[in-house]
Protein backbone atom coordinates (compact mmCIF):
# COMPACT_ATOMS: atom_id res chain seq x y z
CA MET A 1 0.00 0.00 0.00
CA ALA A 2 2.91 2.31 -0.68
CA GLY A 3 0.75 4.22 -3.20
CA ALA A 4 -1.94 4.75 -0.59
CA GLY A 5 0.66 6.11 1.80
CA ASP A 6 1.98 8.53 -0.82
CA LEU A 7 -1.53 9.69 -1.65
CA ALA A 8 -2.36 10.21 2.03
CA GLY A 9 0.80 12.25 2.51
CA ARG A 10 -0.05 14.50 -0.45
CA TRP A 11 -3.65 14.98 0.60
CA ILE A 12 -2.84 15.77 4.22
CA SER A 13 0.01 18.13 3.35
CA ALA A 14 -2.12 20.05 0.85
CA PHE A 15 -5.02 20.24 3.29
CA LEU A 16 -2.83 21.57 6.12
CA GLU A 17 -1.26 24.15 3.82
CA GLY A 18 -4.74 25.27 2.83
CA GLN A 19 -5.80 25.54 6.47
CA ALA A 20 -2.73 27.62 7.28
CA ALA A 21 -3.15 29.93 4.30
CA GLU A 22 -6.92 30.38 4.12
CA ARG A 23 -8.02 30.00 7.73
CA ASP A 24 -4.87 31.16 9.50
CA ALA A 25 -5.12 28.05 11.68
CA ALA A 26 -2.94 27.97 14.79
CA ARG A 27 0.17 25.81 14.71
CA ASN A 28 -1.07 23.54 17.49
CA THR A 29 -4.35 23.03 15.63
CA LEU A 30 -2.49 22.07 12.46
CA LEU A 31 -0.27 19.66 14.39
CA ALA A 32 -3.33 18.05 15.98
CA TYR A 33 -5.09 17.74 12.63
CA GLY A 34 -1.94 16.27 11.11
CA ARG A 35 -1.66 13.62 13.84
CA ASP A 36 -5.37 12.80 13.63
CA LEU A 37 -5.38 12.43 9.87
CA LYS A 38 -2.21 10.35 9.83
CA ASP A 39 -3.76 7.99 12.37
CA PHE A 40 -6.87 7.72 10.19
CA ALA A 41 -4.82 7.14 7.05
CA ASP A 42 -2.69 4.48 8.76
CA TRP A 43 -5.84 2.75 10.00
CA LEU A 44 -7.25 2.73 6.45
CA THR A 45 -3.99 1.30 5.09
CA SER A 46 -4.11 -1.53 7.65
CA ARG A 47 -7.48 -2.49 6.15
CA SER A 48 -6.36 -2.22 2.51
CA LEU A 49 -8.25 1.05 2.06
CA ALA A 50 -7.14 4.57 1.21
CA LEU A 51 -8.41 8.13 1.55
CA ASP A 52 -9.77 8.09 -1.98
CA THR A 53 -11.63 4.79 -1.57
CA ALA A 54 -12.96 4.92 2.01
CA ASP A 55 -16.73 5.19 2.36
CA GLN A 56 -18.98 6.32 5.21
CA ALA A 57 -18.95 2.86 6.78
CA ALA A 58 -15.14 2.93 6.94
CA VAL A 59 -15.16 6.30 8.70
CA GLU A 60 -17.78 5.02 11.15
CA ASP A 61 -15.66 1.92 11.85
CA TYR A 62 -12.65 4.12 12.55
CA LEU A 63 -14.61 6.27 14.98
CA THR A 64 -15.86 3.13 16.72
CA ARG A 65 -12.26 2.00 17.14
CA CYS A 66 -11.36 5.40 18.65
CA ASP A 67 -14.21 5.01 21.12
CA ALA A 68 -13.13 1.46 22.00
CA GLU A 69 -9.62 2.73 22.72
CA GLY A 70 -11.02 5.04 25.36
CA LEU A 71 -10.23 8.30 23.57
CA SER A 72 -11.98 11.27 25.12
CA ARG A 73 -15.13 12.71 23.63
CA ALA A 74 -13.25 15.89 22.71
CA THR A 75 -10.52 13.93 20.92
CA ARG A 76 -13.04 11.86 18.96
CA ALA A 77 -14.96 15.00 18.00
CA ARG A 78 -11.75 16.66 16.81
CA ARG A 79 -10.80 13.62 14.75
CA LEU A 80 -14.17 13.54 13.03
CA SER A 81 -13.89 17.27 12.37
CA ALA A 82 -10.45 16.82 10.80
CA ILE A 83 -11.67 13.95 8.60
CA ARG A 84 -14.76 15.87 7.53
CA GLN A 85 -12.73 18.96 6.64
CA LEU A 86 -10.15 16.92 4.75
CA TYR A 87 -12.83 15.32 2.62
CA ARG A 88 -14.54 18.66 2.02
CA PHE A 89 -11.19 19.97 0.82
CA ALA A 90 -10.73 16.90 -1.40
CA TYR A 91 -14.22 17.40 -2.85
CA GLU A 92 -13.54 21.05 -3.61
CA GLU A 93 -10.24 20.11 -5.26
CA GLY A 94 -11.99 17.48 -7.38
CA TRP A 95 -10.10 14.57 -5.84
CA ARG A 96 -13.31 12.88 -4.69
CA PRO A 97 -16.91 13.12 -5.90
CA ASP A 98 -18.28 13.04 -2.36
CA ASN A 99 -17.58 13.61 1.32
CA PRO A 100 -18.08 10.28 3.15
CA ALA A 101 -17.98 11.99 6.56
CA LEU A 102 -20.53 14.68 5.74
CA ARG A 103 -23.56 12.99 7.33
CA LEU A 104 -21.79 11.68 10.41
CA SER A 105 -22.50 13.34 13.75
CA GLY A 106 -19.93 13.73 16.47
CA PRO A 107 -20.03 12.33 19.99
CA GLY A 108 -23.08 13.39 22.00
CA ARG A 109 -22.98 16.07 24.62
CA ASP A 110 -23.57 13.70 27.50
CA ARG A 111 -20.23 12.39 28.55
CA GLN A 112 -20.37 8.87 29.89
CA LEU A 113 -18.53 8.45 33.14
CA PRO A 114 -15.90 5.71 33.05
CA LYS A 115 -17.00 2.63 34.92
CA SER A 116 -14.60 1.51 37.59
CA LEU A 117 -14.10 -1.30 40.09
CA SER A 118 -14.27 -1.03 43.85
CA ARG A 119 -11.21 -1.69 45.99
CA ASP A 120 -12.80 -4.88 47.27
CA GLN A 121 -13.34 -6.09 43.72
CA VAL A 122 -9.74 -5.34 42.77
CA ASN A 123 -8.47 -7.14 45.87
CA ALA A 124 -10.64 -10.15 45.00
CA LEU A 125 -9.28 -10.20 41.45
CA ILE A 126 -5.66 -10.08 42.59
CA ALA A 127 -6.27 -12.81 45.18
CA ALA A 128 -7.89 -15.03 42.55
CA THR A 129 -4.97 -14.48 40.18
CA GLU A 130 -2.59 -16.22 42.57
CA ALA A 131 -4.23 -19.55 41.66
CA GLN A 132 -4.87 -18.77 37.99
CA GLY A 133 -2.65 -20.78 35.65
CA ARG A 134 -1.75 -24.35 34.72
CA THR A 135 1.80 -24.13 36.06
CA GLU A 136 3.58 -22.22 38.79
CA ALA A 137 5.32 -20.14 36.12
CA GLU A 138 1.99 -19.15 34.55
CA ARG A 139 0.57 -18.23 37.95
CA GLN A 140 3.60 -16.04 38.69
CA ARG A 141 3.32 -14.36 35.29
CA ASN A 142 -0.41 -13.74 35.67
CA LEU A 143 0.00 -12.28 39.15
CA CYS A 144 2.77 -10.01 37.89
CA LEU A 145 0.56 -8.78 35.04
CA MET A 146 -2.30 -7.98 37.41
CA GLU A 147 -0.16 -6.32 40.07
CA LEU A 148 1.61 -4.15 37.51
CA LEU A 149 -1.61 -3.12 35.80
CA TYR A 150 -3.32 -1.97 38.99
CA ALA A 151 -0.17 -0.45 40.51
CA THR A 152 0.63 1.70 37.46
CA GLY A 153 -2.58 2.25 35.49
CA MET A 154 -0.78 1.31 32.28
CA ARG A 155 -2.65 0.72 29.06
CA VAL A 156 -2.80 -2.99 28.29
CA SER A 157 -0.69 -2.50 25.15
CA GLU A 158 1.99 -0.81 27.26
CA LEU A 159 1.88 -3.59 29.85
CA VAL A 160 2.22 -6.63 27.60
CA SER A 161 4.99 -5.06 25.50
CA LEU A 162 7.20 -3.97 28.41
CA PRO A 163 10.90 -4.57 27.65
CA VAL A 164 12.61 -6.81 30.17
CA GLN A 165 15.40 -4.26 30.65
CA ALA A 166 12.90 -1.90 32.24
CA ALA A 167 12.41 -4.44 35.05
CA ARG A 168 16.05 -5.13 35.89
CA GLY A 169 17.53 -4.15 39.25
CA ASP A 170 14.39 -4.28 41.42
CA PRO A 171 13.19 -0.87 40.19
CA ALA A 172 11.03 1.37 42.34
CA MET A 173 9.70 2.90 39.11
CA LEU A 174 9.17 1.65 35.58
CA MET A 175 9.86 3.56 32.38
CA VAL A 176 6.82 3.16 30.13
CA LYS A 177 6.64 4.11 26.47
CA GLY A 178 3.13 5.31 25.69
CA LYS A 179 1.26 6.79 22.75
CA GLY A 180 3.38 8.62 20.25
CA GLY A 181 6.53 7.10 21.73
CA LYS A 182 6.29 9.38 24.77
CA GLU A 183 8.00 7.98 27.85
CA ARG A 184 6.89 8.37 31.45
CA LEU A 185 7.87 6.99 34.84
CA VAL A 186 5.33 5.10 36.94
CA PRO A 187 6.00 4.04 40.56
CA LEU A 188 5.59 0.45 41.71
CA SER A 189 3.87 -0.68 44.89
CA GLN A 190 5.59 -3.19 47.15
CA PRO A 191 3.25 -6.04 46.09
CA ALA A 192 3.97 -5.22 42.45
CA ARG A 193 7.73 -5.20 43.08
CA ARG A 194 7.55 -8.59 44.81
CA ALA A 195 5.46 -10.10 42.00
CA LEU A 196 7.84 -8.62 39.43
CA ALA A 197 10.96 -9.99 41.13
CA THR A 198 9.44 -13.46 41.46
CA TRP A 199 8.31 -13.56 37.83
CA LEU A 200 11.59 -12.16 36.53
CA ALA A 201 13.59 -14.94 38.20
CA THR A 202 11.30 -17.60 36.75
CA ARG A 203 11.27 -15.96 33.33
CA ASP A 204 15.06 -15.67 33.16
CA ALA A 205 15.51 -19.31 34.14
CA ALA A 206 13.12 -20.42 31.40
CA GLU A 207 14.85 -18.20 28.85
CA GLU A 208 18.25 -19.61 29.78
CA GLU A 209 16.94 -23.16 29.52
CA ALA A 210 15.52 -22.43 26.05
CA ARG A 211 18.81 -20.88 24.97
CA ILE A 212 20.82 -23.93 26.01
CA ALA A 213 18.39 -26.64 24.92
CA ARG A 214 17.03 -25.11 21.71
CA ARG A 215 19.55 -22.35 21.00
CA MET A 216 16.78 -19.79 21.07
CA PRO A 217 17.82 -16.14 21.32
CA PRO A 218 16.64 -14.38 24.50
CA SER A 219 13.44 -12.37 24.30
CA ARG A 220 13.59 -8.64 24.82
CA PHE A 221 10.14 -8.62 26.43
CA LEU A 222 9.23 -9.01 30.08
CA PHE A 223 6.33 -11.27 29.11
CA PRO A 224 7.67 -13.29 26.16
CA ALA A 225 5.42 -15.45 24.00
CA SER A 226 5.76 -17.50 20.85
CA GLY A 227 3.37 -15.41 18.75
CA ALA A 228 4.27 -13.06 15.94
CA GLU A 229 4.54 -10.06 18.28
CA GLY A 230 6.97 -11.90 20.53
CA HIS A 231 5.13 -10.96 23.71
CA PHE A 232 1.94 -11.84 25.58
CA SER A 233 -0.92 -10.48 23.47
CA ARG A 234 -3.70 -8.11 24.44
CA GLN A 235 -6.27 -10.68 23.32
CA LEU A 236 -4.83 -13.33 25.63
CA PHE A 237 -4.81 -10.86 28.51
CA HIS A 238 -8.47 -10.00 27.89
CA ARG A 239 -9.38 -13.69 28.08
CA LEU A 240 -7.21 -14.15 31.15
CA LEU A 241 -9.05 -11.32 32.92
CA LYS A 242 -12.42 -12.93 32.23
CA ASP A 243 -11.22 -16.21 33.77
CA ILE A 244 -9.87 -14.36 36.79
CA ALA A 245 -13.15 -12.49 37.20
CA VAL A 246 -15.12 -15.76 37.26
CA ALA A 247 -12.74 -17.19 39.87
CA ALA A 248 -13.04 -14.00 41.96
CA GLY A 249 -16.83 -13.95 41.88
CA VAL A 250 -16.90 -10.69 39.92
CA SER A 251 -19.03 -10.34 36.81
CA PRO A 252 -16.73 -10.88 33.77
CA ALA A 253 -18.65 -8.14 31.95
CA ASP A 254 -17.41 -5.66 34.55
CA VAL A 255 -13.73 -6.56 34.25
CA THR A 256 -11.58 -5.20 31.43
CA PRO A 257 -8.02 -3.86 31.31
CA HIS A 258 -9.37 -0.36 30.73
CA ARG A 259 -11.67 -0.61 33.74
CA LEU A 260 -8.69 -1.56 35.91
CA ARG A 261 -6.95 1.54 34.55
CA HIS A 262 -10.00 3.57 35.60
CA ALA A 263 -9.88 1.92 39.04
CA PHE A 264 -6.23 2.94 39.42
CA ALA A 265 -7.04 6.59 38.68
CA THR A 266 -10.26 6.72 40.67
CA HIS A 267 -8.74 5.15 43.78
CA LEU A 268 -5.79 7.55 43.60
CA LEU A 269 -8.13 10.53 43.39
CA GLU A 270 -10.22 9.22 46.28
CA GLY A 271 -7.02 8.97 48.29
CA GLY A 272 -6.23 12.65 47.69
CA ALA A 273 -3.82 12.47 44.73
CA ASP A 274 -3.39 15.62 42.67
CA LEU A 275 -5.09 15.58 39.26
CA ARG A 276 -1.88 16.64 37.50
CA VAL A 277 -0.04 13.71 39.06
CA ILE A 278 -2.72 11.32 37.82
CA GLN A 279 -2.48 12.89 34.36
CA THR A 280 1.26 12.20 34.30
CA LEU A 281 0.87 8.64 35.54
CA LEU A 282 -1.82 7.82 32.98
CA GLY A 283 0.11 9.43 30.15
CA HIS A 284 -2.71 11.78 29.16
CA ALA A 285 -1.57 14.55 26.84
CA ASP A 286 -4.50 16.78 27.85
CA ILE A 287 -5.60 17.43 31.43
CA ALA A 288 -9.20 17.55 30.15
CA THR A 289 -9.01 13.80 29.56
CA THR A 290 -8.04 13.24 33.19
CA GLU A 291 -10.72 15.58 34.54
CA ILE A 292 -13.37 12.96 33.86
CA TYR A 293 -12.27 11.26 37.06
CA THR A 294 -13.31 14.28 39.10
CA HIS A 295 -16.84 13.66 37.85
CA VAL A 296 -16.63 10.07 39.06
CA LEU A 297 -15.63 11.32 42.49
CA ASP A 298 -18.33 14.01 42.38
CA GLU A 299 -20.96 11.32 41.79
CA ARG A 300 -19.72 9.30 44.75
CA LEU A 301 -19.63 12.36 47.00
CA LYS A 302 -23.16 13.25 45.92
CA ALA A 303 -24.37 9.73 46.71
CA LEU A 304 -22.65 9.91 50.09
CA VAL A 305 -24.43 13.15 50.98
CA LEU A 306 -27.82 11.97 49.73
CA ASN A 307 -27.56 8.71 51.65
CA HIS A 308 -26.20 10.02 54.94
CA HIS A 309 -26.99 13.71 55.38
CA PRO A 310 -30.05 14.22 57.62
CA LEU A 311 -31.45 17.05 55.47
CA ALA A 312 -31.34 14.82 52.38
CA LYS A 313 -33.75 12.25 53.80
CA ALA A 314 -37.16 12.14 52.16
CA ALA A 315 -39.15 12.29 55.39
CA ARG A 316 -38.45 13.29 58.97
CA PRO A 317 -39.48 11.15 61.92
CA ALA A 318 -43.23 11.47 62.64
CA SER A 319 -42.71 12.56 66.25
CA ARG A 320 -40.57 15.52 65.13
CA ARG A 321 -43.09 16.58 62.48
CA LYS A 322 -45.92 16.56 65.02
CA ALA A 323 -43.95 18.72 67.41
CA GLY A 324 -43.20 21.17 64.63
CA GLN A 325 -39.51 20.77 65.17
CA GLU A 326 -36.96 21.45 62.46
CA ASP A 327 -34.29 18.91 61.51
């Protein structure tokens, strides 16, 4: 699809130049549009499509993928806007006879609060993980995956692709490479450090055995696997979580890697962590993405007041009403 890549580059460059010249668009806006459109073009290429062949269904599928990745409403709205403007530009230039994004509406105004897990549920999941696996090595690996995910709030793609070098030397913090290749440091809890040290020893022994017996080169990943990616896959981790949820007595529908990431952020905020700190730990480029967690806390505080404040109760005791007393 080299031709598709060349075409995408020409279209996006011409569009951005037009935005800069005709609309005097700000540099940051142009950079954001450029990143959004490149992501869209790369997604099309991965599905053997191109900017000049994509239809409305393809654009809708892309937006669904953005939603599934947990991108904020504002980010998804901006991406749709960039795609719609690019195709309008292409239509005006005569490159396409239509605008496949013209009739698509952006994300609704109501912003859905991220669903989380309670601390008791997370504790139950971690406890169940200790017995999850066919061998002792699998159980150690699974526990390490769970402890790291909840201790750091990493995205599942960041977790499964961690390089083993990042875990050497009993680190108190891990260096994580996130979206756009941006790196950030995330601290490890003591349980996570213990699980990591245990798994690392088992992993290294297995790698050494494979090197001697089968002359296999050592893996560069903390969680090596025999698949094409060379590391434990996101799909396998999703299935593993469902099995752990069943064992823990938690509804499998309520347990996903992203929901554990939400639990990490929500529990930090409930404990008094600063929003900017949480933004850094999660790897959010925009503080507005992190602010959604304040709404989660607001809802819990509201429920607390409504359930426990005496003035919030629907009816006062009958004896007090008869006496004409105020609550």
